Amino acid sequence: MTKRMNPIVDFVFKRIFGTEENKDLLLSFLNATLKPEEGSQLKEITLVDPHINADQVGDKASILDVRAKTKTGEQINIEVQLHNKYDMEKRSLYYWAKMYEGQLAEGEPYRDLKKTVTISIIDFEYLPTDSYHSVFRLREDEEGFVLTDDLEIHFLELPKVAGVHQETSDLLVKWMLFLKAESKTKLEELAMSEPTIRKAVNVLEFLNQDKEARKLYEMREMALKDEANMIQGAKEEGKAEVARKMLAKGMDVSLIVELTGLSVEEIEKLKQQIH
């Protein structure tokens, strides 16, 4: 049996939410996430760079985010992350800043800047909260008023949605459960409960059966695994360097184990290399 594609892989996510024929799915997801006031729901959206080519898919450094503009010019960026790249809060703020600054050509007034929203969907726990959905804005410390609503950053942590009552009517929870895609049975249950999710499940099923999409998916999975291995390798090398310095200062092996997370065997091997 062919393994089901993972909707949280950015290539698949973009094929489901970032194409012209599926803009209704994107609108449903955005309204569920942004939770606008009644009567202010998004009804139109313009996709920015909806195209995917094979060179992007195979390049581990490429970014396959879903970007869109609202009718009033507000900018929205959605990124998905399978693995913790660390410093996610700085990464999200950096992407927000690039999008915000990129709106103006030289000489244009600041008043033309439009609200910019970033949504990070992550398949790991990151923030020190039990909430699966965290929203950040620019608020004054004591009185809590918002300086400007131009900055809005969302984190959706998929592992944390497991603790939510599964029979909820909250559409965002349903979308997050779809992205987790834990089983065919769960996807069928979600499809029965919401028409837009039914369409998303059908799109995912079509991609699963499409040979070209499967080929690109496997290329993308390989590229993302290579990237994750590079990050982990750099992290381990950093630990090793710290351990070498601690050994050089004569620190106890048990303390080095506690502070670096390396095993006794790994530290003994480093000790031998030093000597």
Protein backbone atom coordinates (compact mmCIF):
# COMPACT_ATOMS: atom_id res chain seq x y z
CA MET A 1 0.00 0.00 0.00
CA THR A 2 1.35 3.45 -0.97
CA LYS A 3 2.06 5.65 2.02
CA ARG A 4 -0.38 8.56 2.29
CA MET A 5 1.17 11.96 1.61
CA ASN A 6 1.61 14.16 4.65
CA PRO A 7 -0.38 17.43 4.27
CA ILE A 8 2.14 19.24 6.50
CA VAL A 9 4.92 18.76 3.93
CA ASP A 10 5.05 22.20 2.32
CA PHE A 11 4.74 20.88 -1.25
CA VAL A 12 1.46 19.11 -0.41
CA PHE A 13 0.17 22.00 1.70
CA LYS A 14 0.72 24.40 -1.18
CA ARG A 15 -1.00 22.07 -3.65
CA ILE A 16 -4.03 21.89 -1.34
CA PHE A 17 -4.29 25.52 -0.19
CA GLY A 18 -2.16 27.57 -2.59
CA THR A 19 -3.79 27.01 -5.99
CA GLU A 20 -6.47 28.96 -7.81
CA GLU A 21 -8.89 26.03 -7.92
CA ASN A 22 -8.62 25.56 -4.14
CA LYS A 23 -8.90 29.16 -2.96
CA ASP A 24 -12.14 28.24 -1.18
CA LEU A 25 -10.10 25.92 1.06
CA LEU A 26 -7.62 28.70 1.81
CA LEU A 27 -10.45 31.11 2.67
CA SER A 28 -12.02 28.53 4.99
CA PHE A 29 -8.69 27.93 6.74
CA LEU A 30 -7.91 31.64 7.07
CA ASN A 31 -11.33 32.54 8.46
CA ALA A 32 -11.01 29.68 10.95
CA THR A 33 -7.54 30.90 12.02
CA LEU A 34 -7.98 34.69 11.98
CA LYS A 35 -11.50 34.54 13.45
CA PRO A 36 -12.72 37.90 12.06
CA GLU A 37 -15.82 39.51 13.51
CA GLU A 38 -19.19 38.38 12.18
CA GLY A 39 -19.76 39.94 8.76
CA SER A 40 -16.04 40.63 8.23
CA GLN A 41 -15.03 37.18 7.02
CA LEU A 42 -12.68 36.99 4.06
CA LYS A 43 -14.58 36.34 0.84
CA GLU A 44 -11.88 37.09 -1.72
CA ILE A 45 -8.15 36.45 -1.78
CA THR A 46 -5.40 36.89 -4.36
CA LEU A 47 -2.62 34.32 -4.37
CA VAL A 48 0.97 35.55 -4.60
CA ASP A 49 3.30 33.18 -6.50
CA PRO A 50 1.07 30.09 -6.65
CA HIS A 51 3.49 28.22 -8.94
CA ILE A 52 5.70 25.26 -7.98
CA ASN A 53 8.48 23.92 -10.17
CA ALA A 54 10.68 20.84 -9.86
CA ASP A 55 13.78 22.92 -9.09
CA GLN A 56 12.07 24.40 -6.01
CA VAL A 57 10.88 21.00 -4.82
CA GLY A 58 14.35 19.46 -4.94
CA ASP A 59 16.10 22.43 -3.35
CA LYS A 60 16.18 22.13 0.45
CA ALA A 61 16.74 25.90 0.73
CA SER A 62 13.63 26.80 -1.26
CA ILE A 63 10.55 28.16 0.49
CA LEU A 64 7.13 26.84 -0.50
CA ASP A 65 4.97 29.12 1.61
CA VAL A 66 1.41 30.08 0.73
CA ARG A 67 1.21 33.85 0.27
CA ALA A 68 -1.91 35.88 -0.39
CA LYS A 69 -3.38 39.39 -0.40
CA THR A 70 -6.83 40.39 0.73
CA LYS A 71 -9.09 42.73 -1.22
CA THR A 72 -7.93 45.63 0.97
CA GLY A 73 -4.24 44.84 0.44
CA GLU A 74 -3.50 43.05 3.70
CA GLN A 75 -0.69 40.52 3.31
CA ILE A 76 -0.83 36.97 4.65
CA ASN A 77 1.90 34.35 4.68
CA ILE A 78 1.48 30.72 5.80
CA GLU A 79 4.48 28.49 6.38
CA VAL A 80 4.57 24.89 7.55
CA GLN A 81 7.44 23.31 9.45
CA LEU A 82 7.93 19.59 10.07
CA HIS A 83 11.11 20.01 12.12
CA ASN A 84 12.25 22.53 14.71
CA LYS A 85 14.72 24.90 13.03
CA TYR A 86 15.07 26.79 16.34
CA ASP A 87 14.60 30.52 16.85
CA MET A 88 11.13 30.20 15.33
CA GLU A 89 9.99 33.45 16.94
CA LYS A 90 12.85 35.38 15.28
CA ARG A 91 12.29 33.56 12.00
CA SER A 92 8.59 34.49 11.99
CA LEU A 93 9.32 38.11 12.90
CA TYR A 94 11.98 38.30 10.17
CA TYR A 95 9.57 37.01 7.50
CA TRP A 96 6.91 39.40 8.77
CA ALA A 97 9.36 42.32 8.55
CA LYS A 98 10.43 41.43 5.01
CA MET A 99 6.81 41.27 3.83
CA TYR A 100 5.90 44.50 5.63
CA GLU A 101 8.90 46.46 4.33
CA GLY A 102 8.53 45.02 0.85
CA GLN A 103 5.19 46.76 0.31
CA LEU A 104 6.73 50.20 -0.23
CA ALA A 105 8.72 51.46 -3.18
CA GLU A 106 11.25 54.22 -2.52
CA GLY A 107 9.55 57.52 -1.67
CA GLU A 108 6.12 56.04 -0.90
CA PRO A 109 4.53 57.17 2.40
CA TYR A 110 4.38 54.93 5.46
CA ARG A 111 0.62 55.35 5.62
CA ASP A 112 0.37 53.06 2.57
CA LEU A 113 1.65 50.10 4.59
CA LYS A 114 -0.99 47.43 5.07
CA LYS A 115 -1.53 44.92 7.83
CA THR A 116 0.75 41.88 7.52
CA VAL A 117 -0.04 38.49 9.04
CA THR A 118 2.19 35.45 9.32
CA ILE A 119 0.87 32.01 10.27
CA SER A 120 3.35 29.31 11.26
CA ILE A 121 1.97 25.77 11.35
CA ILE A 122 4.47 23.60 13.20
CA ASP A 123 4.50 19.85 13.78
CA PHE A 124 6.28 20.09 17.13
CA GLU A 125 5.68 21.80 20.48
CA TYR A 126 7.55 25.08 20.76
CA LEU A 127 5.88 27.75 22.91
CA PRO A 128 5.60 27.47 26.74
CA THR A 129 1.81 27.24 26.70
CA ASP A 130 -0.83 24.51 26.50
CA SER A 131 -2.70 26.39 23.78
CA TYR A 132 -2.54 24.99 20.24
CA HIS A 133 -3.18 28.46 18.78
CA SER A 134 -1.13 31.46 19.93
CA VAL A 135 -1.55 34.99 18.54
CA PHE A 136 0.90 37.87 19.01
CA ARG A 137 0.30 41.59 18.46
CA LEU A 138 1.90 44.89 19.52
CA ARG A 139 0.31 45.73 22.87
CA GLU A 140 1.16 48.33 25.53
CA ASP A 141 2.41 46.60 28.69
CA GLU A 142 0.20 48.06 31.42
CA GLU A 143 -3.06 49.07 29.74
CA GLY A 144 -2.99 46.46 26.99
CA PHE A 145 -4.07 48.65 24.09
CA VAL A 146 -2.78 47.78 20.62
CA LEU A 147 -0.27 50.24 19.14
CA THR A 148 -1.19 49.11 15.62
CA ASP A 149 -2.88 46.03 14.24
CA ASP A 150 -0.38 45.93 11.34
CA LEU A 151 1.58 43.17 13.08
CA GLU A 152 -0.10 39.82 13.69
CA ILE A 153 1.77 36.54 14.15
CA HIS A 154 0.08 33.17 14.66
CA PHE A 155 1.54 29.86 15.79
CA LEU A 156 -0.47 26.66 15.29
CA GLU A 157 1.19 23.77 17.15
CA LEU A 158 -0.25 20.53 15.77
CA PRO A 159 0.81 18.17 18.61
CA LYS A 160 -1.16 20.27 21.12
CA VAL A 161 -4.47 19.82 19.31
CA ALA A 162 -4.47 16.18 20.45
CA GLY A 163 -5.61 17.37 23.88
CA VAL A 164 -8.71 19.11 22.49
CA HIS A 165 -12.07 17.35 22.60
CA GLN A 166 -12.33 15.68 19.20
CA GLU A 167 -16.07 16.36 18.81
CA THR A 168 -15.57 20.12 18.82
CA SER A 169 -17.35 22.29 16.28
CA ASP A 170 -14.32 24.61 16.05
CA LEU A 171 -13.36 24.67 12.37
CA LEU A 172 -9.73 25.50 13.14
CA VAL A 173 -9.42 22.34 15.24
CA LYS A 174 -10.87 20.35 12.34
CA TRP A 175 -8.36 21.85 9.91
CA MET A 176 -5.51 21.07 12.29
CA LEU A 177 -6.73 17.50 12.67
CA PHE A 178 -6.85 17.26 8.88
CA LEU A 179 -3.23 18.42 8.71
CA LYS A 180 -2.25 15.75 11.25
CA ALA A 181 -3.91 13.17 8.96
CA GLU A 182 -3.52 10.46 11.59
CA SER A 183 -5.61 7.84 9.82
CA LYS A 184 -7.92 7.27 6.87
CA THR A 185 -10.80 6.82 9.31
CA LYS A 186 -10.13 10.20 10.95
CA LEU A 187 -9.95 11.92 7.56
CA GLU A 188 -13.28 10.36 6.57
CA GLU A 189 -14.86 11.59 9.84
CA LEU A 190 -13.59 15.11 9.21
CA ALA A 191 -14.81 14.99 5.60
CA MET A 192 -18.30 14.06 6.82
CA SER A 193 -18.40 17.04 9.19
CA GLU A 194 -17.33 19.89 6.88
CA PRO A 195 -17.71 20.39 3.08
CA THR A 196 -14.43 22.30 2.64
CA ILE A 197 -12.52 19.59 4.48
CA ARG A 198 -14.25 16.98 2.33
CA LYS A 199 -12.83 18.75 -0.71
CA ALA A 200 -9.38 18.93 0.92
CA VAL A 201 -9.47 15.18 1.62
CA ASN A 202 -10.41 14.58 -2.03
CA VAL A 203 -7.51 16.78 -3.20
CA LEU A 204 -5.14 14.84 -0.93
CA GLU A 205 -6.47 11.55 -2.31
CA PHE A 206 -5.97 12.77 -5.88
CA LEU A 207 -2.38 13.78 -5.10
CA ASN A 208 -1.77 10.37 -3.53
CA GLN A 209 -2.75 8.69 -6.79
CA ASP A 210 -1.02 11.11 -9.18
CA LYS A 211 2.37 9.69 -10.29
CA GLU A 212 3.95 13.07 -11.04
CA ALA A 213 2.78 14.52 -7.71
CA ARG A 214 4.11 11.43 -5.92
CA LYS A 215 7.50 11.87 -7.58
CA LEU A 216 7.70 15.54 -6.56
CA TYR A 217 6.51 14.70 -3.05
CA GLU A 218 9.28 12.14 -2.58
CA MET A 219 11.83 14.66 -3.89
CA ARG A 220 10.57 17.21 -1.39
CA GLU A 221 10.58 14.75 1.50
CA MET A 222 14.19 13.88 0.72
CA ALA A 223 15.20 17.56 0.54
CA LEU A 224 13.52 18.33 3.87
CA LYS A 225 15.14 15.30 5.53
CA ASP A 226 18.55 16.42 4.25
CA GLU A 227 17.92 19.88 5.70
CA ALA A 228 16.82 18.43 9.06
CA ASN A 229 19.93 16.23 9.17
CA MET A 230 22.15 19.24 8.47
CA ILE A 231 20.52 21.21 11.28
CA GLN A 232 20.83 18.29 13.70
CA GLY A 233 24.44 17.72 12.64
CA ALA A 234 25.29 21.37 13.28
CA LYS A 235 23.57 21.19 16.68
CA GLU A 236 25.51 18.04 17.66
CA GLU A 237 28.78 19.59 16.48
CA GLY A 238 28.03 22.61 18.64
CA LYS A 239 27.51 20.34 21.67
CA ALA A 240 30.77 18.55 20.92
CA GLU A 241 32.68 21.84 20.78
CA VAL A 242 31.26 22.90 24.15
CA ALA A 243 32.15 19.49 25.61
CA ARG A 244 35.75 19.80 24.33
CA LYS A 245 36.13 23.16 26.06
CA MET A 246 34.68 21.76 29.30
CA LEU A 247 37.04 18.77 29.14
CA ALA A 248 39.98 21.09 28.56
CA LYS A 249 39.04 22.88 31.79
CA GLY A 250 38.99 19.57 33.65
CA MET A 251 35.26 19.51 34.34
CA ASP A 252 33.67 16.28 35.54
CA VAL A 253 32.22 14.00 32.83
CA SER A 254 28.87 13.65 34.65
CA LEU A 255 28.45 17.44 34.68
CA ILE A 256 29.30 17.65 30.96
CA VAL A 257 26.68 14.96 30.28
CA GLU A 258 24.08 16.97 32.20
CA LEU A 259 24.89 20.28 30.51
CA THR A 260 25.35 19.10 26.90
CA GLY A 261 23.03 16.12 26.63
CA LEU A 262 25.84 14.02 25.14
CA SER A 263 26.30 10.45 26.34
CA VAL A 264 29.20 9.30 28.52
CA GLU A 265 30.50 7.26 25.55
CA GLU A 266 30.46 10.33 23.27
CA ILE A 267 32.34 12.41 25.84
CA GLU A 268 34.91 9.67 26.46
CA LYS A 269 35.51 9.53 22.70
CA LEU A 270 36.06 13.32 22.63
CA LYS A 271 38.44 12.98 25.57
CA GLN A 272 40.49 10.43 23.60
CA GLN A 273 40.60 12.79 20.58
CA ILE A 274 41.91 15.61 22.77
CA HIS A 275 44.66 13.43 24.23
